[in-house]
C-alpha atoms as a PDB file:
ATOM      1  CA  UNK A   1      -0.292   0.063   0.110  1.00  0.00           C
ATOM      2  CA  UNK A   2       0.737   3.904  -0.311  1.00  0.00           C
ATOM      3  CA  UNK A   3       1.436   5.749   2.015  1.00  0.00           C
ATOM      4  CA  UNK A   4       1.574   9.663   2.613  1.00  0.00           C
ATOM      5  CA  UNK A   5       1.528   9.991  -0.929  1.00  0.00           C
ATOM      6  CA  UNK A   6       3.269  13.248  -2.800  1.00  0.00           C
ATOM      7  CA  UNK A   7       0.831  13.931  -6.026  1.00  0.00           C
ATOM      8  CA  UNK A   8       2.090  17.249  -8.012  1.00  0.00           C
ATOM      9  CA  UNK A   9       0.328  17.868 -10.791  1.00  0.00           C
ATOM     10  CA  UNK A  10       1.523  21.128 -12.810  1.00  0.00           C
ATOM     11  CA  UNK A  11      -0.478  23.172 -15.665  1.00  0.00           C
ATOM     12  CA  UNK A  12      -0.207  26.213 -16.760  1.00  0.00           C
ATOM     13  CA  UNK A  13       0.292  28.507 -19.725  1.00  0.00           C
ATOM     14  CA  UNK A  14       2.109  27.190 -23.076  1.00  0.00           C
ATOM     15  CA  UNK A  15       5.013  28.481 -22.221  1.00  0.00           C
ATOM     16  CA  UNK A  16       5.547  29.363 -18.911  1.00  0.00           C
ATOM     17  CA  UNK A  17       7.857  27.253 -17.426  1.00  0.00           C
ATOM     18  CA  UNK A  18       6.430  23.671 -17.233  1.00  0.00           C
ATOM     19  CA  UNK A  19       9.840  21.743 -18.574  1.00  0.00           C
ATOM     20  CA  UNK A  20      11.967  23.634 -16.394  1.00  0.00           C
ATOM     21  CA  UNK A  21       8.787  22.487 -13.492  1.00  0.00           C
ATOM     22  CA  UNK A  22       9.000  19.011 -14.312  1.00  0.00           C
ATOM     23  CA  UNK A  23      13.081  19.254 -14.325  1.00  0.00           C
ATOM     24  CA  UNK A  24      13.161  20.264 -11.048  1.00  0.00           C
ATOM     25  CA  UNK A  25      10.794  17.867  -9.265  1.00  0.00           C
ATOM     26  CA  UNK A  26      13.042  15.391 -11.119  1.00  0.00           C
ATOM     27  CA  UNK A  27      16.372  16.503  -9.068  1.00  0.00           C
ATOM     28  CA  UNK A  28      14.569  16.564  -5.896  1.00  0.00           C
ATOM     29  CA  UNK A  29      13.654  13.009  -6.504  1.00  0.00           C
ATOM     30  CA  UNK A  30       9.553  12.880  -7.752  1.00  0.00           C
ATOM     31  CA  UNK A  31       8.554  10.130  -9.769  1.00  0.00           C
ATOM     32  CA  UNK A  32       7.810  12.518 -13.445  1.00  0.00           C
ATOM     33  CA  UNK A  33       4.982  12.153 -16.043  1.00  0.00           C
ATOM     34  CA  UNK A  34       5.313  14.600 -18.462  1.00  0.00           C
ATOM     35  CA  UNK A  35       1.568  14.843 -20.348  1.00  0.00           C
ATOM     36  CA  UNK A  36       0.269  12.044 -18.998  1.00  0.00           C
ATOM     37  CA  UNK A  37      -3.496  11.861 -20.732  1.00  0.00           C
ATOM     38  CA  UNK A  38      -5.787  12.329 -17.638  1.00  0.00           C
ATOM     39  CA  UNK A  39      -7.876   9.448 -18.594  1.00  0.00           C
ATOM     40  CA  UNK A  40      -4.707   7.206 -17.674  1.00  0.00           C
ATOM     41  CA  UNK A  41      -4.688   8.653 -13.790  1.00  0.00           C
ATOM     42  CA  UNK A  42      -6.925   5.087 -12.153  1.00  0.00           C
ATOM     43  CA  UNK A  43      -4.390   2.895 -14.197  1.00  0.00           C
ATOM     44  CA  UNK A  44      -1.103   5.013 -13.408  1.00  0.00           C
ATOM     45  CA  UNK A  45      -2.546   5.157  -9.417  1.00  0.00           C
ATOM     46  CA  UNK A  46      -2.682   0.912  -9.520  1.00  0.00           C
ATOM     47  CA  UNK A  47       0.544   0.267 -10.871  1.00  0.00           C
ATOM     48  CA  UNK A  48       2.306   2.446  -7.969  1.00  0.00           C
ATOM     49  CA  UNK A  49      -0.702   0.687  -5.359  1.00  0.00           C
ATOM     50  CA  UNK A  50       1.358  -2.399  -6.799  1.00  0.00           C
ATOM     51  CA  UNK A  51       4.757  -1.415  -6.341  1.00  0.00           C
ATOM     52  CA  UNK A  52       4.685   0.228  -2.744  1.00  0.00           C
ATOM     53  CA  UNK A  53       7.726   1.857  -2.902  1.00  0.00           C
ATOM     54  CA  UNK A  54       6.632   5.297  -4.431  1.00  0.00           C
ATOM     55  CA  UNK A  55       5.719   8.390  -2.255  1.00  0.00           C
ATOM     56  CA  UNK A  56       6.431  11.444  -4.425  1.00  0.00           C
ATOM     57  CA  UNK A  57       5.215  11.943  -7.912  1.00  0.00           C
ATOM     58  CA  UNK A  58       5.101  14.837 -10.186  1.00  0.00           C
ATOM     59  CA  UNK A  59       2.317  15.146 -13.050  1.00  0.00           C
ATOM     60  CA  UNK A  60       2.530  17.373 -16.137  1.00  0.00           C
ATOM     61  CA  UNK A  61      -0.691  17.369 -17.963  1.00  0.00           C
ATOM     62  CA  UNK A  62      -2.019  19.330 -20.660  1.00  0.00           C
ATOM     63  CA  UNK A  63      -5.338  20.716 -18.917  1.00  0.00           C
ATOM     64  CA  UNK A  64      -5.905  23.170 -21.843  1.00  0.00           C
ATOM     65  CA  UNK A  65     -10.031  21.938 -21.050  1.00  0.00           C
ATOM     66  CA  UNK A  66     -12.200  22.300 -17.944  1.00  0.00           C
ATOM     67  CA  UNK A  67     -13.470  18.894 -18.810  1.00  0.00           C
ATOM     68  CA  UNK A  68      -9.983  17.844 -18.649  1.00  0.00           C
ATOM     69  CA  UNK A  69      -9.649  19.571 -14.969  1.00  0.00           C
ATOM     70  CA  UNK A  70     -12.565  18.222 -14.080  1.00  0.00           C
ATOM     71  CA  UNK A  71     -12.056  14.436 -15.116  1.00  0.00           C
ATOM     72  CA  UNK A  72      -9.113  14.803 -12.674  1.00  0.00           C
ATOM     73  CA  UNK A  73     -11.282  16.099  -9.896  1.00  0.00           C
ATOM     74  CA  UNK A  74     -13.071  13.399  -9.843  1.00  0.00           C
ATOM     75  CA  UNK A  75     -10.882  10.723 -10.200  1.00  0.00           C
ATOM     76  CA  UNK A  76      -8.771  11.771  -7.662  1.00  0.00           C
ATOM     77  CA  UNK A  77     -12.018  12.121  -5.811  1.00  0.00           C
ATOM     78  CA  UNK A  78     -12.272   8.073  -6.434  1.00  0.00           C
ATOM     79  CA  UNK A  79      -8.278   6.699  -5.376  1.00  0.00           C
ATOM     80  CA  UNK A  80      -8.184   4.634  -2.635  1.00  0.00           C
ATOM     81  CA  UNK A  81      -7.643   6.171   0.301  1.00  0.00           C
ATOM     82  CA  UNK A  82      -6.903   9.794  -1.088  1.00  0.00           C
ATOM     83  CA  UNK A  83      -7.184  10.997   2.749  1.00  0.00           C
ATOM     84  CA  UNK A  84      -3.391   9.642   2.690  1.00  0.00           C
ATOM     85  CA  UNK A  85      -2.958  11.743  -0.558  1.00  0.00           C
ATOM     86  CA  UNK A  86      -1.484  14.939  -0.728  1.00  0.00           C
ATOM     87  CA  UNK A  87      -1.927  16.371  -3.795  1.00  0.00           C
ATOM     88  CA  UNK A  88      -1.323  19.944  -4.760  1.00  0.00           C
ATOM     89  CA  UNK A  89      -2.113  21.701  -8.515  1.00  0.00           C
ATOM     90  CA  UNK A  90       0.694  24.103  -9.872  1.00  0.00           C
ATOM     91  CA  UNK A  91      -0.130  26.985 -12.624  1.00  0.00           C
ATOM     92  CA  UNK A  92       2.587  28.561 -14.352  1.00  0.00           C
ATOM     93  CA  UNK A  93       1.406  31.351 -15.635  1.00  0.00           C
ATOM     94  CA  UNK A  94       3.576  34.555 -17.258  1.00  0.00           C
ATOM     95  CA  UNK A  95       2.155  38.185 -19.305  1.00  0.00           C
ATOM     96  CA  UNK A  96       1.231  37.653 -22.813  1.00  0.00           C
ATOM     97  CA  UNK A  97       4.454  39.680 -24.009  1.00  0.00           C
ATOM     98  CA  UNK A  98       6.332  37.600 -22.638  1.00  0.00           C
ATOM     99  CA  UNK A  99       4.991  34.767 -23.717  1.00  0.00           C
ATOM    100  CA  UNK A 100       4.989  35.831 -27.479  1.00  0.00           C
ATOM    101  CA  UNK A 101       8.671  36.798 -26.851  1.00  0.00           C
ATOM    102  CA  UNK A 102       9.483  33.008 -25.609  1.00  0.00           C
ATOM    103  CA  UNK A 103       7.867  32.168 -28.704  1.00  0.00           C
ATOM    104  CA  UNK A 104       9.509  34.080 -30.915  1.00  0.00           C
ATOM    105  CA  UNK A 105      12.672  33.224 -29.509  1.00  0.00           C
ATOM    106  CA  UNK A 106      12.211  29.412 -29.649  1.00  0.00           C
ATOM    107  CA  UNK A 107       9.969  29.555 -32.963  1.00  0.00           C
ATOM    108  CA  UNK A 108       7.272  27.009 -31.778  1.00  0.00           C
ATOM    109  CA  UNK A 109       3.840  27.722 -32.570  1.00  0.00           C
ATOM    110  CA  UNK A 110       1.651  28.057 -29.829  1.00  0.00           C
ATOM    111  CA  UNK A 111      -0.849  24.797 -29.495  1.00  0.00           C
ATOM    112  CA  UNK A 112      -3.971  27.129 -30.072  1.00  0.00           C
ATOM    113  CA  UNK A 113      -2.283  28.573 -32.822  1.00  0.00           C
ATOM    114  CA  UNK A 114      -2.280  26.469 -34.969  1.00  0.00           C
ATOM    115  CA  UNK A 115      -2.967  28.107 -38.340  1.00  0.00           C
ATOM    116  CA  UNK A 116      -3.166  31.601 -36.692  1.00  0.00           C
ATOM    117  CA  UNK A 117      -1.389  34.363 -34.416  1.00  0.00           C
ATOM    118  CA  UNK A 118       0.250  33.203 -31.028  1.00  0.00           C
ATOM    119  CA  UNK A 119      -1.445  36.411 -29.155  1.00  0.00           C
ATOM    120  CA  UNK A 120      -4.503  34.954 -30.632  1.00  0.00           C
ATOM    121  CA  UNK A 121      -3.499  31.281 -29.531  1.00  0.00           C
ATOM    122  CA  UNK A 122      -2.543  33.142 -26.086  1.00  0.00           C
ATOM    123  CA  UNK A 123      -5.634  34.528 -25.325  1.00  0.00           C
ATOM    124  CA  UNK A 124      -7.912  31.322 -26.042  1.00  0.00           C
ATOM    125  CA  UNK A 125      -5.298  29.089 -24.019  1.00  0.00           C
ATOM    126  CA  UNK A 126      -5.855  32.132 -21.136  1.00  0.00           C
ATOM    127  CA  UNK A 127     -10.062  31.587 -21.376  1.00  0.00           C
ATOM    128  CA  UNK A 128     -10.056  27.949 -20.940  1.00  0.00           C
ATOM    129  CA  UNK A 129      -7.665  27.932 -17.937  1.00  0.00           C
ATOM    130  CA  UNK A 130      -9.087  30.811 -16.122  1.00  0.00           C
ATOM    131  CA  UNK A 131     -10.798  28.361 -14.140  1.00  0.00           C
ATOM    132  CA  UNK A 132      -8.077  25.904 -13.576  1.00  0.00           C
ATOM    133  CA  UNK A 133      -5.711  28.646 -11.986  1.00  0.00           C
ATOM    134  CA  UNK A 134      -8.469  29.858  -9.702  1.00  0.00           C
ATOM    135  CA  UNK A 135      -8.028  26.305  -8.344  1.00  0.00           C
ATOM    136  CA  UNK A 136      -4.590  26.443  -8.254  1.00  0.00           C
ATOM    137  CA  UNK A 137      -2.334  25.779  -4.976  1.00  0.00           C
ATOM    138  CA  UNK A 138       0.192  27.476  -6.138  1.00  0.00           C
ATOM    139  CA  UNK A 139       0.433  29.967  -9.305  1.00  0.00           C
ATOM    140  CA  UNK A 140       3.731  31.176  -9.942  1.00  0.00           C
ATOM    141  CA  UNK A 141       4.227  33.978 -12.208  1.00  0.00           C
ATOM    142  CA  UNK A 142       6.908  33.907 -14.238  1.00  0.00           C
ATOM    143  CA  UNK A 143       7.612  36.762 -16.584  1.00  0.00           C
ATOM    144  CA  UNK A 144      10.791  37.710 -14.424  1.00  0.00           C
ATOM    145  CA  UNK A 145      12.197  34.674 -13.367  1.00  0.00           C
ATOM    146  CA  UNK A 146      15.390  32.977 -14.898  1.00  0.00           C
ATOM    147  CA  UNK A 147      14.626  29.033 -15.526  1.00  0.00           C
ATOM    148  CA  UNK A 148      17.080  28.972 -12.394  1.00  0.00           C
ATOM    149  CA  UNK A 149      15.115  31.091 -10.156  1.00  0.00           C
ATOM    150  CA  UNK A 150      11.971  29.294 -10.660  1.00  0.00           C
ATOM    151  CA  UNK A 151      13.801  25.852 -10.147  1.00  0.00           C
ATOM    152  CA  UNK A 152      15.082  27.660  -6.875  1.00  0.00           C
ATOM    153  CA  UNK A 153      11.707  29.002  -5.459  1.00  0.00           C
ATOM    154  CA  UNK A 154      10.015  25.281  -6.769  1.00  0.00           C
ATOM    155  CA  UNK A 155      12.661  23.624  -4.485  1.00  0.00           C
ATOM    156  CA  UNK A 156      11.565  25.954  -1.904  1.00  0.00           C
ATOM    157  CA  UNK A 157       8.129  25.196  -2.019  1.00  0.00           C
ATOM    158  CA  UNK A 158       8.582  21.599  -1.547  1.00  0.00           C
ATOM    159  CA  UNK A 159      11.978  20.432  -0.575  1.00  0.00           C
ATOM    160  CA  UNK A 160      12.156  18.027   2.360  1.00  0.00           C
ATOM    161  CA  UNK A 161      14.403  17.570   5.138  1.00  0.00           C
ATOM    162  CA  UNK A 162      15.841  14.420   3.124  1.00  0.00           C
ATOM    163  CA  UNK A 163      15.929  16.434  -0.715  1.00  0.00           C
ATOM    164  CA  UNK A 164      19.328  16.415  -1.909  1.00  0.00           C
ATOM    165  CA  UNK A 165      19.433  18.942  -5.027  1.00  0.00           C
ATOM    166  CA  UNK A 166      22.468  19.655  -5.235  1.00  0.00           C
ATOM    167  CA  UNK A 167      25.469  16.236  -5.594  1.00  0.00           C
ATOM    168  CA  UNK A 168      29.285  15.473  -5.354  1.00  0.00           C
ATOM    169  CA  UNK A 169      30.275  12.912  -7.384  1.00  0.00           C
ATOM    170  CA  UNK A 170      33.354  11.208  -6.233  1.00  0.00           C
ATOM    171  CA  UNK A 171      35.277   9.069  -8.626  1.00  0.00           C
ATOM    172  CA  UNK A 172      38.455   7.255  -8.854  1.00  0.00           C
ATOM    173  CA  UNK A 173      39.944   6.376 -11.590  1.00  0.00           C
ATOM    174  CA  UNK A 174      43.273   4.652 -13.639  1.00  0.00           C
ATOM    175  CA  UNK A 175      44.761   6.946 -16.815  1.00  0.00           C
ATOM    176  CA  UNK A 176      45.285   3.640 -18.198  1.00  0.00           C
ATOM    177  CA  UNK A 177      41.754   3.355 -18.824  1.00  0.00           C
ATOM    178  CA  UNK A 178      40.820   6.712 -19.588  1.00  0.00           C
ATOM    179  CA  UNK A 179      39.382   9.527 -18.213  1.00  0.00           C
ATOM    180  CA  UNK A 180      35.862   9.827 -16.983  1.00  0.00           C
ATOM    181  CA  UNK A 181      34.196  11.383 -19.669  1.00  0.00           C
ATOM    182  CA  UNK A 182      31.590  12.656 -17.522  1.00  0.00           C
ATOM    183  CA  UNK A 183      34.286  14.064 -15.467  1.00  0.00           C
ATOM    184  CA  UNK A 184      34.213  18.191 -14.288  1.00  0.00           C
ATOM    185  CA  UNK A 185      36.813  18.101 -12.550  1.00  0.00           C
ATOM    186  CA  UNK A 186      39.940  16.027 -13.600  1.00  0.00           C
ATOM    187  CA  UNK A 187      42.675  16.178 -10.948  1.00  0.00           C
ATOM    188  CA  UNK A 188      46.734  13.919 -11.482  1.00  0.00           C
ATOM    189  CA  UNK A 189      47.834  12.506  -8.343  1.00  0.00           C
ATOM    190  CA  UNK A 190      50.398  10.241 -10.030  1.00  0.00           C
ATOM    191  CA  UNK A 191      53.110  12.934  -8.484  1.00  0.00           C
ATOM    192  CA  UNK A 192      53.226  10.850  -4.929  1.00  0.00           C
ATOM    193  CA  UNK A 193      54.883   7.990  -3.973  1.00  0.00           C
ATOM    194  CA  UNK A 194      53.081   4.940  -5.653  1.00  0.00           C
ATOM    195  CA  UNK A 195      52.289   1.833  -3.668  1.00  0.00           C
ATOM    196  CA  UNK A 196      52.533  -0.052  -6.751  1.00  0.00           C
ATOM    197  CA  UNK A 197      56.088  -0.561  -6.300  1.00  0.00           C
ATOM    198  CA  UNK A 198      55.785  -2.015  -2.415  1.00  0.00           C
ATOM    199  CA  UNK A 199      55.507  -5.806  -3.088  1.00  0.00           C
ATOM    200  CA  UNK A 200      53.247  -6.286   0.084  1.00  0.00           C
ATOM    201  CA  UNK A 201      51.243  -3.192  -0.741  1.00  0.00           C
ATOM    202  CA  UNK A 202      50.726  -4.184  -4.731  1.00  0.00           C
ATOM    203  CA  UNK A 203      48.216  -6.578  -4.585  1.00  0.00           C
ATOM    204  CA  UNK A 204      45.796  -4.249  -2.171  1.00  0.00           C
ATOM    205  CA  UNK A 205      43.881  -0.797  -2.203  1.00  0.00           C
ATOM    206  CA  UNK A 206      43.522   2.233  -1.630  1.00  0.00           C
ATOM    207  CA  UNK A 207      39.873   1.142   0.703  1.00  0.00           C
ATOM    208  CA  UNK A 208      43.438  -0.929   2.839  1.00  0.00           C
ATOM    209  CA  UNK A 209      44.529   1.352   5.581  1.00  0.00           C
ATOM    210  CA  UNK A 210      47.894   0.253   5.195  1.00  0.00           C
ATOM    211  CA  UNK A 211      48.381   1.274   2.031  1.00  0.00           C
ATOM    212  CA  UNK A 212      46.097   4.839   2.670  1.00  0.00           C
ATOM    213  CA  UNK A 213      48.461   5.316   5.751  1.00  0.00           C
ATOM    214  CA  UNK A 214      51.738   4.886   3.295  1.00  0.00           C
ATOM    215  CA  UNK A 215      49.577   7.542   0.906  1.00  0.00           C
ATOM    216  CA  UNK A 216      48.899   9.824   3.346  1.00  0.00           C
ATOM    217  CA  UNK A 217      52.231  10.048   5.199  1.00  0.00           C
ATOM    218  CA  UNK A 218      53.899  11.677   2.397  1.00  0.00           C
ATOM    219  CA  UNK A 219      54.121  15.629   3.138  1.00  0.00           C
ATOM    220  CA  UNK A 220      53.539  16.172  -0.522  1.00  0.00           C
ATOM    221  CA  UNK A 221      50.324  14.384   0.016  1.00  0.00           C
ATOM    222  CA  UNK A 222      49.234  16.766   3.109  1.00  0.00           C
ATOM    223  CA  UNK A 223      50.505  19.281   0.876  1.00  0.00           C
ATOM    224  CA  UNK A 224      48.477  18.959  -2.021  1.00  0.00           C
ATOM    225  CA  UNK A 225      45.084  17.777   0.254  1.00  0.00           C
ATOM    226  CA  UNK A 226      44.842  20.781   1.905  1.00  0.00           C
ATOM    227  CA  UNK A 227      45.336  23.287  -1.391  1.00  0.00           C
ATOM    228  CA  UNK A 228      42.819  20.971  -3.214  1.00  0.00           C
ATOM    229  CA  UNK A 229      39.850  21.056  -0.396  1.00  0.00           C
ATOM    230  CA  UNK A 230      41.113  24.848  -0.257  1.00  0.00           C
ATOM    231  CA  UNK A 231      39.938  25.263  -4.471  1.00  0.00           C
ATOM    232  CA  UNK A 232      37.026  22.782  -3.792  1.00  0.00           C
ATOM    233  CA  UNK A 233      35.557  24.575  -0.606  1.00  0.00           C
ATOM    234  CA  UNK A 234      35.737  27.681  -3.057  1.00  0.00           C
ATOM    235  CA  UNK A 235      34.304  26.636  -6.617  1.00  0.00           C
ATOM    236  CA  UNK A 236      31.091  24.591  -5.187  1.00  0.00           C
ATOM    237  CA  UNK A 237      29.466  26.780  -3.942  1.00  0.00           C
ATOM    238  CA  UNK A 238      29.569  29.174  -7.818  1.00  0.00           C
ATOM    239  CA  UNK A 239      28.758  25.870  -9.450  1.00  0.00           C
ATOM    240  CA  UNK A 240      25.656  25.363  -6.818  1.00  0.00           C
ATOM    241  CA  UNK A 241      24.319  29.089  -7.098  1.00  0.00           C
ATOM    242  CA  UNK A 242      24.588  28.643 -11.097  1.00  0.00           C
ATOM    243  CA  UNK A 243      21.515  25.987 -10.709  1.00  0.00           C
ATOM    244  CA  UNK A 244      24.288  23.272 -11.838  1.00  0.00           C
ATOM    245  CA  UNK A 245      22.378  19.284 -10.176  1.00  0.00           C
ATOM    246  CA  UNK A 246      25.920  18.130  -9.549  1.00  0.00           C
ATOM    247  CA  UNK A 247      29.641  18.234 -10.268  1.00  0.00           C
ATOM    248  CA  UNK A 248      31.983  15.393 -10.655  1.00  0.00           C
ATOM    249  CA  UNK A 249      34.593  15.195  -9.043  1.00  0.00           C
ATOM    250  CA  UNK A 250      37.781  12.852 -10.569  1.00  0.00           C
ATOM    251  CA  UNK A 251      40.645  12.047  -9.602  1.00  0.00           C
ATOM    252  CA  UNK A 252      43.645  10.061 -11.071  1.00  0.00           C
ATOM    253  CA  UNK A 253      46.657   7.778 -10.816  1.00  0.00           C
ATOM    254  CA  UNK A 254      48.263   5.471 -13.008  1.00  0.00           C
ATOM    255  CA  UNK A 255      45.944   2.519 -11.956  1.00  0.00           C
ATOM    256  CA  UNK A 256      43.255   3.743 -10.044  1.00  0.00           C
ATOM    257  CA  UNK A 257      43.899   0.821  -7.692  1.00  0.00           C
ATOM    258  CA  UNK A 258      46.201   2.950  -5.409  1.00  0.00           C
ATOM    259  CA  UNK A 259      46.911   6.631  -4.525  1.00  0.00           C
ATOM    260  CA  UNK A 260      43.368   7.932  -6.132  1.00  0.00           C
ATOM    261  CA  UNK A 261      41.273   5.636  -3.972  1.00  0.00           C
ATOM    262  CA  UNK A 262      42.733   6.471  -1.105  1.00  0.00           C
ATOM    263  CA  UNK A 263      42.336  10.162  -1.333  1.00  0.00           C
ATOM    264  CA  UNK A 264      39.660  10.016  -3.270  1.00  0.00           C
ATOM    265  CA  UNK A 265      37.888   8.613   0.128  1.00  0.00           C
ATOM    266  CA  UNK A 266      39.519  11.489   2.236  1.00  0.00           C
ATOM    267  CA  UNK A 267      38.459  14.335  -0.102  1.00  0.00           C
ATOM    268  CA  UNK A 268      35.200  12.783  -0.301  1.00  0.00           C
ATOM    269  CA  UNK A 269      34.805  12.552   3.433  1.00  0.00           C
ATOM    270  CA  UNK A 270      35.339  16.206   3.886  1.00  0.00           C
ATOM    271  CA  UNK A 271      32.167  16.867   0.553  1.00  0.00           C
ATOM    272  CA  UNK A 272      29.860  14.880   2.821  1.00  0.00           C
ATOM    273  CA  UNK A 273      30.419  17.574   6.167  1.00  0.00           C
ATOM    274  CA  UNK A 274      28.377  20.195   3.507  1.00  0.00           C
ATOM    275  CA  UNK A 275      27.352  17.853   0.793  1.00  0.00           C
ATOM    276  CA  UNK A 276      25.511  14.960  -0.284  1.00  0.00           C
ATOM    277  CA  UNK A 277      28.639  12.669  -1.393  1.00  0.00           C
ATOM    278  CA  UNK A 278      28.718   9.458  -3.586  1.00  0.00           C
ATOM    279  CA  UNK A 279      31.769   7.799  -3.855  1.00  0.00           C
ATOM    280  CA  UNK A 280      32.765   5.472  -6.782  1.00  0.00           C
ATOM    281  CA  UNK A 281      35.955   3.350  -7.293  1.00  0.00           C
ATOM    282  CA  UNK A 282      35.995   3.067 -11.117  1.00  0.00           C
ATOM    283  CA  UNK A 283      39.089   1.031 -11.800  1.00  0.00           C
ATOM    284  CA  UNK A 284      39.202   0.193  -8.250  1.00  0.00           C
ATOM    285  CA  UNK A 285      39.784  -4.282  -8.765  1.00  0.00           C
ATOM    286  CA  UNK A 286      40.363  -3.616 -12.735  1.00  0.00           C
ATOM    287  CA  UNK A 287      43.616  -5.214 -12.314  1.00  0.00           C
ATOM    288  CA  UNK A 288      43.219  -7.798 -10.052  1.00  0.00           C
ATOM    289  CA  UNK A 289      39.769  -9.252 -13.022  1.00  0.00           C
ATOM    290  CA  UNK A 290      43.246  -8.613 -15.695  1.00  0.00           C
ATOM    291  CA  UNK A 291      45.119 -11.104 -13.623  1.00  0.00           C
ATOM    292  CA  UNK A 292      42.032 -13.825 -12.909  1.00  0.00           C
ATOM    293  CA  UNK A 293      41.642 -13.761 -16.415  1.00  0.00           C
ATOM    294  CA  UNK A 294      44.949 -14.549 -17.275  1.00  0.00           C
END
């Protein structure tokens, strides 16, 4: 069974920012569906009940007719355990002048002005959506908002304590296996002393205490660590402020087994004090796999 389901229905004027809105909910961990026909809501609800795992849902639905909105209202009433469902309708709006400007920039055709002027399509749509706007719990005027500002406003409304809208992906890798193609920041630590040349450390990884302590025992390692975390501490807030959802920091050594793993662990723990951090060691066991195959 589904408990405490949060259901958000996103609607509003065409060109007012529904795409940005649904992406914002996706970043907050909502299960998102764009342009779901209202007639499919009951089937969708049955699937949700069967899984019992989804608790936050955001839907963008074409509500450009009163009948669609009335259909949704009646369906929500019929849903079982609706007292456990927190439903919110968001209406996105903008001035006619701003909507016309956006359509001119994108060179798109307004859905209600297929054979006429954009202004005529906006006028028709605004008339059809007047009642829906009045019934919406949240109305956001996006006329003066940038996509980033709209995203911030939505997150402010719906953010929960366990919501992570900005995260750091820490990745260790070996240069011999190639650079991570999705990395935003890449740091080469091959200048540090290499545990590979110590026979008893060679089969181990940076996750093992002996390797970790060996890598961290050198003054140059500590100097690098302090300067690099200072750099990250100074630039990561800028990424977050600009609306970036995640930043991938990749640290590489020759094989991705010793030095990069140890430092990725240490730096990841430091950043985890302020951010949500995921740590991945891409090539940590590559050498072992190669040995086993041979």
